[in-house]
Amino acid sequence: MRIDFYANWSNVRQETVTDLPDDMPREQIIEQAHAVMTAHPGRAHTAAVRTDEGGPLLFVYRDGRVRDPQ
């Protein structure tokens, strides 16, 4: 599993965290995403949690919203 971080609503990827365990609990994924966004203010606005193949699993936003893919 990986987390791709984006600067804003565009598709400009700023950073990727890889090699996360596939069985990582949802709350821990959200905490990890928020920690990276907090560490890089202005660089990361949205986190897309994806499978290693790129399929979307979860979207986490700086403002605290969490959304499942549609």
C-alpha atoms as a PDB file:
ATOM      1  CA  MET A   1       0.000   0.000   0.000  1.00  0.00           C
ATOM      2  CA  ARG A   2       1.162   3.564  -0.601  1.00  0.00           C
ATOM      3  CA  ILE A   3       0.035   7.125   0.112  1.00  0.00           C
ATOM      4  CA  ASP A   4       0.392   9.772  -2.605  1.00  0.00           C
ATOM      5  CA  PHE A   5       0.304  13.389  -1.421  1.00  0.00           C
ATOM      6  CA  TYR A   6      -0.960  16.231  -3.591  1.00  0.00           C
ATOM      7  CA  ALA A   7      -0.444  19.978  -3.193  1.00  0.00           C
ATOM      8  CA  ASN A   8      -4.020  20.962  -4.001  1.00  0.00           C
ATOM      9  CA  TRP A   9      -7.014  19.714  -5.978  1.00  0.00           C
ATOM     10  CA  SER A  10      -4.804  19.248  -9.051  1.00  0.00           C
ATOM     11  CA  ASN A  11      -2.993  16.060  -9.950  1.00  0.00           C
ATOM     12  CA  VAL A  12       0.457  17.389  -9.054  1.00  0.00           C
ATOM     13  CA  ARG A  13       1.926  14.719  -6.778  1.00  0.00           C
ATOM     14  CA  GLN A  14       4.349  16.130  -4.209  1.00  0.00           C
ATOM     15  CA  GLU A  15       5.438  13.052  -2.293  1.00  0.00           C
ATOM     16  CA  THR A  16       4.779   9.324  -1.936  1.00  0.00           C
ATOM     17  CA  VAL A  17       5.085   7.135   1.153  1.00  0.00           C
ATOM     18  CA  THR A  18       5.518   3.509   0.108  1.00  0.00           C
ATOM     19  CA  ASP A  19       5.917   0.073   1.639  1.00  0.00           C
ATOM     20  CA  LEU A  20       3.037   0.416   4.078  1.00  0.00           C
ATOM     21  CA  PRO A  21       1.634  -2.927   5.257  1.00  0.00           C
ATOM     22  CA  ASP A  22      -1.546  -3.997   3.469  1.00  0.00           C
ATOM     23  CA  ASP A  23      -3.202  -4.846   6.789  1.00  0.00           C
ATOM     24  CA  MET A  24      -2.561  -1.413   8.373  1.00  0.00           C
ATOM     25  CA  PRO A  25      -5.708  -0.306  10.286  1.00  0.00           C
ATOM     26  CA  ARG A  26      -7.747   2.520   8.735  1.00  0.00           C
ATOM     27  CA  GLU A  27      -7.233   4.858  11.720  1.00  0.00           C
ATOM     28  CA  GLN A  28      -3.475   4.360  11.570  1.00  0.00           C
ATOM     29  CA  ILE A  29      -3.484   5.148   7.833  1.00  0.00           C
ATOM     30  CA  ILE A  30      -5.395   8.374   8.512  1.00  0.00           C
ATOM     31  CA  GLU A  31      -2.976   9.322  11.315  1.00  0.00           C
ATOM     32  CA  GLN A  32       0.029   8.664   9.042  1.00  0.00           C
ATOM     33  CA  ALA A  33      -1.479  10.809   6.270  1.00  0.00           C
ATOM     34  CA  HIS A  34      -2.219  13.697   8.636  1.00  0.00           C
ATOM     35  CA  ALA A  35       1.298  13.507  10.107  1.00  0.00           C
ATOM     36  CA  VAL A  36       2.886  13.943   6.672  1.00  0.00           C
ATOM     37  CA  MET A  37       0.493  16.771   5.726  1.00  0.00           C
ATOM     38  CA  THR A  38       1.252  18.545   9.027  1.00  0.00           C
ATOM     39  CA  ALA A  39       5.002  18.124   8.542  1.00  0.00           C
ATOM     40  CA  HIS A  40       4.814  19.723   5.081  1.00  0.00           C
ATOM     41  CA  PRO A  41       2.324  22.591   5.298  1.00  0.00           C
ATOM     42  CA  GLY A  42       1.650  24.070   1.899  1.00  0.00           C
ATOM     43  CA  ARG A  43       3.065  21.048   0.089  1.00  0.00           C
ATOM     44  CA  ALA A  44       0.449  18.451   0.914  1.00  0.00           C
ATOM     45  CA  HIS A  45      -3.290  19.131   0.896  1.00  0.00           C
ATOM     46  CA  THR A  46      -4.731  15.759  -0.088  1.00  0.00           C
ATOM     47  CA  ALA A  47      -3.572  12.188   0.513  1.00  0.00           C
ATOM     48  CA  ALA A  48      -4.644   9.359  -1.772  1.00  0.00           C
ATOM     49  CA  VAL A  49      -4.200   5.951  -0.175  1.00  0.00           C
ATOM     50  CA  ARG A  50      -3.694   3.384  -2.933  1.00  0.00           C
ATOM     51  CA  THR A  51      -2.896  -0.262  -3.446  1.00  0.00           C
ATOM     52  CA  ASP A  52       0.604  -1.003  -4.740  1.00  0.00           C
ATOM     53  CA  GLU A  53      -1.002  -1.317  -8.191  1.00  0.00           C
ATOM     54  CA  GLY A  54      -2.497   2.204  -7.911  1.00  0.00           C
ATOM     55  CA  GLY A  55      -6.137   1.413  -7.119  1.00  0.00           C
ATOM     56  CA  PRO A  56      -7.714   3.990  -4.767  1.00  0.00           C
ATOM     57  CA  LEU A  57      -8.605   2.872  -1.238  1.00  0.00           C
ATOM     58  CA  LEU A  58      -9.164   6.122   0.680  1.00  0.00           C
ATOM     59  CA  PHE A  59      -8.791   9.902   0.375  1.00  0.00           C
ATOM     60  CA  VAL A  60      -7.687  11.989   3.358  1.00  0.00           C
ATOM     61  CA  TYR A  61      -7.841  15.799   3.340  1.00  0.00           C
ATOM     62  CA  ARG A  62      -5.907  18.340   5.403  1.00  0.00           C
ATOM     63  CA  ASP A  63      -9.168  19.743   6.815  1.00  0.00           C
ATOM     64  CA  GLY A  64      -9.940  16.376   8.436  1.00  0.00           C
ATOM     65  CA  ARG A  65     -12.362  14.910   5.900  1.00  0.00           C
ATOM     66  CA  VAL A  66     -11.944  11.270   4.907  1.00  0.00           C
ATOM     67  CA  ARG A  67     -13.657   9.868   1.826  1.00  0.00           C
ATOM     68  CA  ASP A  68     -13.935   6.386   0.373  1.00  0.00           C
ATOM     69  CA  PRO A  69     -13.515   6.142  -3.403  1.00  0.00           C
ATOM     70  CA  GLN A  70     -16.735   6.106  -5.382  1.00  0.00           C
END
